[in-house]
PDB file of N, CA and C in Angstrom:
ATOM      1  N   MET A   1     112.921  84.924 156.644  1.00  0.00           N
ATOM      2  CA  MET A   1     112.630  86.282 156.258  1.00  0.00           C
ATOM      3  C   MET A   1     113.666  86.799 155.258  1.00  0.00           C
ATOM      4  N   ARG A   2     114.927  86.505 155.555  1.00  0.00           N
ATOM      5  CA  ARG A   2     115.991  86.954 154.664  1.00  0.00           C
ATOM      6  C   ARG A   2     115.887  86.262 153.304  1.00  0.00           C
ATOM      7  N   LEU A   3     115.503  85.010 153.304  1.00  0.00           N
ATOM      8  CA  LEU A   3     115.339  84.261 152.064  1.00  0.00           C
ATOM      9  C   LEU A   3     114.220  84.863 151.211  1.00  0.00           C
ATOM     10  N   ARG A   4     113.209  85.395 151.863  1.00  0.00           N
ATOM     11  CA  ARG A   4     112.102  86.012 151.154  1.00  0.00           C
ATOM     12  C   ARG A   4     112.570  87.290 150.437  1.00  0.00           C
ATOM     13  N   TYR A   5     113.422  88.106 151.076  1.00  0.00           N
ATOM     14  CA  TYR A   5     113.956  89.319 150.453  1.00  0.00           C
ATOM     15  C   TYR A   5     114.863  88.972 149.266  1.00  0.00           C
ATOM     16  N   ILE A   6     115.651  87.952 149.434  1.00  0.00           N
ATOM     17  CA  ILE A   6     116.538  87.521 148.334  1.00  0.00           C
ATOM     18  C   ILE A   6     115.706  87.006 147.176  1.00  0.00           C
ATOM     19  N   GLY A   7     114.667  86.230 147.469  1.00  0.00           N
ATOM     20  CA  GLY A   7     113.786  85.708 146.425  1.00  0.00           C
ATOM     21  C   GLY A   7     113.042  86.826 145.712  1.00  0.00           C
ATOM     22  N   SER A   8     112.581  87.810 146.481  1.00  0.00           N
ATOM     23  CA  SER A   8     111.881  88.949 145.882  1.00  0.00           C
ATOM     24  C   SER A   8     112.816  89.765 144.993  1.00  0.00           C
ATOM     25  N   ALA A   9     114.039  89.974 145.460  1.00  0.00           N
ATOM     26  CA  ALA A   9     115.015  90.734 144.674  1.00  0.00           C
ATOM     27  C   ALA A   9     115.368  89.982 143.393  1.00  0.00           C
ATOM     28  N   LEU A  10     115.511  88.664 143.503  1.00  0.00           N
ATOM     29  CA  LEU A  10     115.822  87.849 142.325  1.00  0.00           C
ATOM     30  C   LEU A  10     114.676  87.883 141.325  1.00  0.00           C
ATOM     31  N   LEU A  11     113.459  87.777 141.806  1.00  0.00           N
ATOM     32  CA  LEU A  11     112.284  87.826 140.934  1.00  0.00           C
ATOM     33  C   LEU A  11     112.153  89.191 140.271  1.00  0.00           C
ATOM     34  N   LEU A  12     112.386  90.241 141.039  1.00  0.00           N
ATOM     35  CA  LEU A  12     112.323  91.590 140.484  1.00  0.00           C
ATOM     36  C   LEU A  12     113.412  91.778 139.425  1.00  0.00           C
ATOM     37  N   GLY A  13     114.593  91.278 139.675  1.00  0.00           N
ATOM     38  CA  GLY A  13     115.685  91.370 138.704  1.00  0.00           C
ATOM     39  C   GLY A  13     115.362  90.635 137.417  1.00  0.00           C
ATOM     40  N   LEU A  14     114.769  89.465 137.535  1.00  0.00           N
ATOM     41  CA  LEU A  14     114.388  88.700 136.336  1.00  0.00           C
ATOM     42  C   LEU A  14     113.294  89.405 135.544  1.00  0.00           C
ATOM     43  N   LEU A  15     112.328  89.974 136.251  1.00  0.00           N
ATOM     44  CA  LEU A  15     111.255  90.687 135.562  1.00  0.00           C
ATOM     45  C   LEU A  15     111.774  91.925 134.846  1.00  0.00           C
ATOM     46  N   LEU A  16     112.650  92.675 135.493  1.00  0.00           N
ATOM     47  CA  LEU A  16     113.203  93.871 134.857  1.00  0.00           C
ATOM     48  C   LEU A  16     114.148  93.510 133.717  1.00  0.00           C
ATOM     49  N   GLY A  17     114.867  92.415 133.837  1.00  0.00           N
ATOM     50  CA  GLY A  17     115.772  91.983 132.782  1.00  0.00           C
ATOM     51  C   GLY A  17     115.038  91.481 131.550  1.00  0.00           C
ATOM     52  N   ALA A  18     113.848  90.946 131.749  1.00  0.00           N
ATOM     53  CA  ALA A  18     113.075  90.408 130.630  1.00  0.00           C
ATOM     54  C   ALA A  18     112.396  91.509 129.827  1.00  0.00           C
ATOM     55  N   CYS A  19     112.283  92.687 130.389  1.00  0.00           N
ATOM     56  CA  CYS A  19     111.563  93.775 129.720  1.00  0.00           C
ATOM     57  C   CYS A  19     112.492  94.801 129.088  1.00  0.00           C
ATOM     58  N   THR A  20     113.739  94.471 128.892  1.00  0.00           N
ATOM     59  CA  THR A  20     114.661  95.434 128.290  1.00  0.00           C
ATOM     60  C   THR A  20     114.361  95.564 126.810  1.00  0.00           C
ATOM     61  N   PRO A  21     114.314  96.800 126.300  1.00  0.00           N
ATOM     62  CA  PRO A  21     114.033  96.991 124.870  1.00  0.00           C
ATOM     63  C   PRO A  21     115.246  96.606 124.023  1.00  0.00           C
ATOM     64  N   THR A  22     114.971  96.145 122.833  1.00  0.00           N
ATOM     65  CA  THR A  22     116.046  95.784 121.903  1.00  0.00           C
ATOM     66  C   THR A  22     115.997  96.724 120.714  1.00  0.00           C
ATOM     67  N   VAL A  23     117.166  97.037 120.195  1.00  0.00           N
ATOM     68  CA  VAL A  23     117.280  97.904 119.036  1.00  0.00           C
ATOM     69  C   VAL A  23     117.889  97.083 117.909  1.00  0.00           C
ATOM     70  N   GLN A  24     117.214  97.065 116.774  1.00  0.00           N
ATOM     71  CA  GLN A  24     117.715  96.309 115.634  1.00  0.00           C
ATOM     72  C   GLN A  24     117.961  97.248 114.475  1.00  0.00           C
ATOM     73  N   LEU A  25     119.126  97.119 113.861  1.00  0.00           N
ATOM     74  CA  LEU A  25     119.461  97.897 112.679  1.00  0.00           C
ATOM     75  C   LEU A  25     119.489  96.968 111.483  1.00  0.00           C
ATOM     76  N   ALA A  26     118.781  97.352 110.443  1.00  0.00           N
ATOM     77  CA  ALA A  26     118.750  96.536 109.242  1.00  0.00           C
ATOM     78  C   ALA A  26     118.816  97.445 108.028  1.00  0.00           C
ATOM     79  N   ALA A  27     119.590  97.020 107.046  1.00  0.00           N
ATOM     80  CA  ALA A  27     119.685  97.786 105.804  1.00  0.00           C
ATOM     81  C   ALA A  27     118.422  97.578 104.979  1.00  0.00           C
ATOM     82  N   PRO A  28     117.962  98.612 104.272  1.00  0.00           N
ATOM     83  CA  PRO A  28     116.767  98.430 103.438  1.00  0.00           C
ATOM     84  C   PRO A  28     117.068  97.519 102.260  1.00  0.00           C
ATOM     85  N   LYS A  29     116.043  96.840 101.801  1.00  0.00           N
ATOM     86  CA  LYS A  29     116.216  95.923 100.672  1.00  0.00           C
ATOM     87  C   LYS A  29     116.382  96.675  99.358  1.00  0.00           C
ATOM     88  N   GLU A  30     115.739  97.836  99.260  1.00  0.00           N
ATOM     89  CA  GLU A  30     115.865  98.662  98.058  1.00  0.00           C
ATOM     90  C   GLU A  30     116.817  99.813  98.348  1.00  0.00           C
ATOM     91  N   PRO A  31     117.556 100.270  97.337  1.00  0.00           N
ATOM     92  CA  PRO A  31     118.475 101.392  97.582  1.00  0.00           C
ATOM     93  C   PRO A  31     117.707 102.682  97.858  1.00  0.00           C
ATOM     94  N   ILE A  32     118.349 103.579  98.566  1.00  0.00           N
ATOM     95  CA  ILE A  32     117.746 104.872  98.888  1.00  0.00           C
ATOM     96  C   ILE A  32     117.966 105.807  97.710  1.00  0.00           C
ATOM     97  N   ASN A  33     116.887 106.346  97.164  1.00  0.00           N
ATOM     98  CA  ASN A  33     116.957 107.269  96.027  1.00  0.00           C
ATOM     99  C   ASN A  33     116.674 108.678  96.516  1.00  0.00           C
ATOM    100  N   ILE A  34     117.540 109.598  96.132  1.00  0.00           N
ATOM    101  CA  ILE A  34     117.347 111.000  96.471  1.00  0.00           C
ATOM    102  C   ILE A  34     117.113 111.752  95.168  1.00  0.00           C
ATOM    103  N   ASN A  35     115.944 112.360  95.053  1.00  0.00           N
ATOM    104  CA  ASN A  35     115.567 113.056  93.833  1.00  0.00           C
ATOM    105  C   ASN A  35     116.124 114.476  93.886  1.00  0.00           C
ATOM    106  N   LEU A  36     116.969 114.825  92.936  1.00  0.00           N
ATOM    107  CA  LEU A  36     117.605 116.140  92.936  1.00  0.00           C
ATOM    108  C   LEU A  36     117.158 116.969  91.729  1.00  0.00           C
ATOM    109  N   ASN A  37     115.866 117.043  91.507  1.00  0.00           N
ATOM    110  CA  ASN A  37     115.347 117.879  90.431  1.00  0.00           C
ATOM    111  C   ASN A  37     115.274 119.312  90.931  1.00  0.00           C
ATOM    112  N   VAL A  38     116.282 120.086  90.604  1.00  0.00           N
ATOM    113  CA  VAL A  38     116.378 121.462  91.087  1.00  0.00           C
ATOM    114  C   VAL A  38     116.497 122.375  89.877  1.00  0.00           C
ATOM    115  N   LYS A  39     115.696 123.411  89.861  1.00  0.00           N
ATOM    116  CA  LYS A  39     115.784 124.382  88.772  1.00  0.00           C
ATOM    117  C   LYS A  39     116.832 125.420  89.125  1.00  0.00           C
ATOM    118  N   ILE A  40     117.722 125.668  88.185  1.00  0.00           N
ATOM    119  CA  ILE A  40     118.741 126.691  88.386  1.00  0.00           C
ATOM    120  C   ILE A  40     118.477 127.776  87.356  1.00  0.00           C
ATOM    121  N   GLU A  41     117.842 128.858  87.804  1.00  0.00           N
ATOM    122  CA  GLU A  41     117.469 129.938  86.903  1.00  0.00           C
ATOM    123  C   GLU A  41     118.137 131.256  87.264  1.00  0.00           C
ATOM    124  N   HIS A  42     118.838 131.315  88.366  1.00  0.00           N
ATOM    125  CA  HIS A  42     119.361 132.592  88.829  1.00  0.00           C
ATOM    126  C   HIS A  42     120.407 133.152  87.883  1.00  0.00           C
ATOM    127  N   GLU A  43     121.166 132.294  87.208  1.00  0.00           N
ATOM    128  CA  GLU A  43     122.198 132.777  86.292  1.00  0.00           C
ATOM    129  C   GLU A  43     121.563 133.499  85.105  1.00  0.00           C
ATOM    130  N   ILE A  44     120.479 132.977  84.598  1.00  0.00           N
ATOM    131  CA  ILE A  44     119.793 133.589  83.452  1.00  0.00           C
ATOM    132  C   ILE A  44     119.243 134.961  83.851  1.00  0.00           C
ATOM    133  N   TYR A  45     118.631 135.046  85.026  1.00  0.00           N
ATOM    134  CA  TYR A  45     118.073 136.315  85.477  1.00  0.00           C
ATOM    135  C   TYR A  45     119.157 137.367  85.661  1.00  0.00           C
ATOM    136  N   ILE A  46     120.303 136.977  86.165  1.00  0.00           N
ATOM    137  CA  ILE A  46     121.398 137.933  86.357  1.00  0.00           C
ATOM    138  C   ILE A  46     121.897 138.448  85.017  1.00  0.00           C
ATOM    139  N   LYS A  47     122.011 137.569  84.027  1.00  0.00           N
ATOM    140  CA  LYS A  47     122.484 137.996  82.713  1.00  0.00           C
ATOM    141  C   LYS A  47     121.502 138.965  82.068  1.00  0.00           C
ATOM    142  N   VAL A  48     120.214 138.670  82.164  1.00  0.00           N
ATOM    143  CA  VAL A  48     119.203 139.553  81.580  1.00  0.00           C
ATOM    144  C   VAL A  48     119.187 140.881  82.321  1.00  0.00           C
ATOM    145  N   ASP A  49     119.320 140.843  83.628  1.00  0.00           N
ATOM    146  CA  ASP A  49     119.314 142.065  84.424  1.00  0.00           C
ATOM    147  C   ASP A  49     120.509 142.954  84.071  1.00  0.00           C
ATOM    148  N   LYS A  50     121.661 142.369  83.881  1.00  0.00           N
ATOM    149  CA  LYS A  50     122.840 143.151  83.503  1.00  0.00           C
ATOM    150  C   LYS A  50     122.682 143.722  82.099  1.00  0.00           C
ATOM    151  N   ALA A  51     122.096 142.945  81.202  1.00  0.00           N
ATOM    152  CA  ALA A  51     121.886 143.434  79.841  1.00  0.00           C
ATOM    153  C   ALA A  51     120.913 144.611  79.840  1.00  0.00           C
ATOM    154  N   LEU A  52     119.850 144.516  80.636  1.00  0.00           N
ATOM    155  CA  LEU A  52     118.896 145.624  80.724  1.00  0.00           C
ATOM    156  C   LEU A  52     119.519 146.852  81.369  1.00  0.00           C
ATOM    157  N   ASP A  53     120.398 146.641  82.347  1.00  0.00           N
ATOM    158  CA  ASP A  53     121.097 147.774  82.952  1.00  0.00           C
ATOM    159  C   ASP A  53     121.947 148.493  81.914  1.00  0.00           C
ATOM    160  N   ASN A  54     122.589 147.741  81.055  1.00  0.00           N
ATOM    161  CA  ASN A  54     123.418 148.357  80.013  1.00  0.00           C
ATOM    162  C   ASN A  54     122.564 149.103  78.998  1.00  0.00           C
ATOM    163  N   ILE A  55     121.396 148.567  78.666  1.00  0.00           N
ATOM    164  CA  ILE A  55     120.518 149.194  77.695  1.00  0.00           C
ATOM    165  C   ILE A  55     119.891 150.467  78.275  1.00  0.00           C
ATOM    166  N   LEU A  56     119.441 150.384  79.521  1.00  0.00           N
ATOM    167  CA  LEU A  56     118.740 151.488  80.154  1.00  0.00           C
ATOM    168  C   LEU A  56     119.678 152.421  80.917  1.00  0.00           C
ATOM    169  N   ASP A  57     120.946 152.332  80.655  1.00  0.00           N
ATOM    170  CA  ASP A  57     121.915 153.200  81.321  1.00  0.00           C
ATOM    171  C   ASP A  57     121.642 154.661  80.956  1.00  0.00           C
ATOM    172  N   GLU A  58     121.915 155.564  81.850  1.00  0.00           N
ATOM    173  CA  GLU A  58     121.633 156.984  81.615  1.00  0.00           C
ATOM    174  C   GLU A  58     122.426 157.524  80.424  1.00  0.00           C
ATOM    175  N   SER A  59     123.579 156.987  80.194  1.00  0.00           N
ATOM    176  CA  SER A  59     124.385 157.511  79.104  1.00  0.00           C
ATOM    177  C   SER A  59     123.977 156.942  77.730  1.00  0.00           C
ATOM    178  N   SER A  60     123.021 156.015  77.734  1.00  0.00           N
ATOM    179  CA  SER A  60     122.620 155.428  76.468  1.00  0.00           C
ATOM    180  C   SER A  60     121.728 156.393  75.645  1.00  0.00           C
ATOM    181  N   GLY A  61     121.114 157.346  76.323  1.00  0.00           N
ATOM    182  CA  GLY A  61     120.279 158.300  75.614  1.00  0.00           C
ATOM    183  C   GLY A  61     118.904 157.788  75.278  1.00  0.00           C
ATOM    184  N   LEU A  62     118.512 156.656  75.824  1.00  0.00           N
ATOM    185  CA  LEU A  62     117.217 156.086  75.532  1.00  0.00           C
ATOM    186  C   LEU A  62     116.098 156.906  76.170  1.00  0.00           C
ATOM    187  N   PHE A  63     116.311 157.435  77.370  1.00  0.00           N
ATOM    188  CA  PHE A  63     115.279 158.257  78.042  1.00  0.00           C
ATOM    189  C   PHE A  63     115.769 159.663  78.168  1.00  0.00           C
TER     190      PHE A  63
END
């Protein structure tokens, strides 16, 4: 009876050990490219906005 429990435990251990997941890390064959096409327009808008503020200033006499 005791031999049967030991055999069952051994069989269960082998079955659980055979089903362990494996993790593999591999580098890609092609390099990783990051596309950085970004439009930077905020500086232009600020300059135009400041120029319009100077033109439309109350002391300019335009209105």
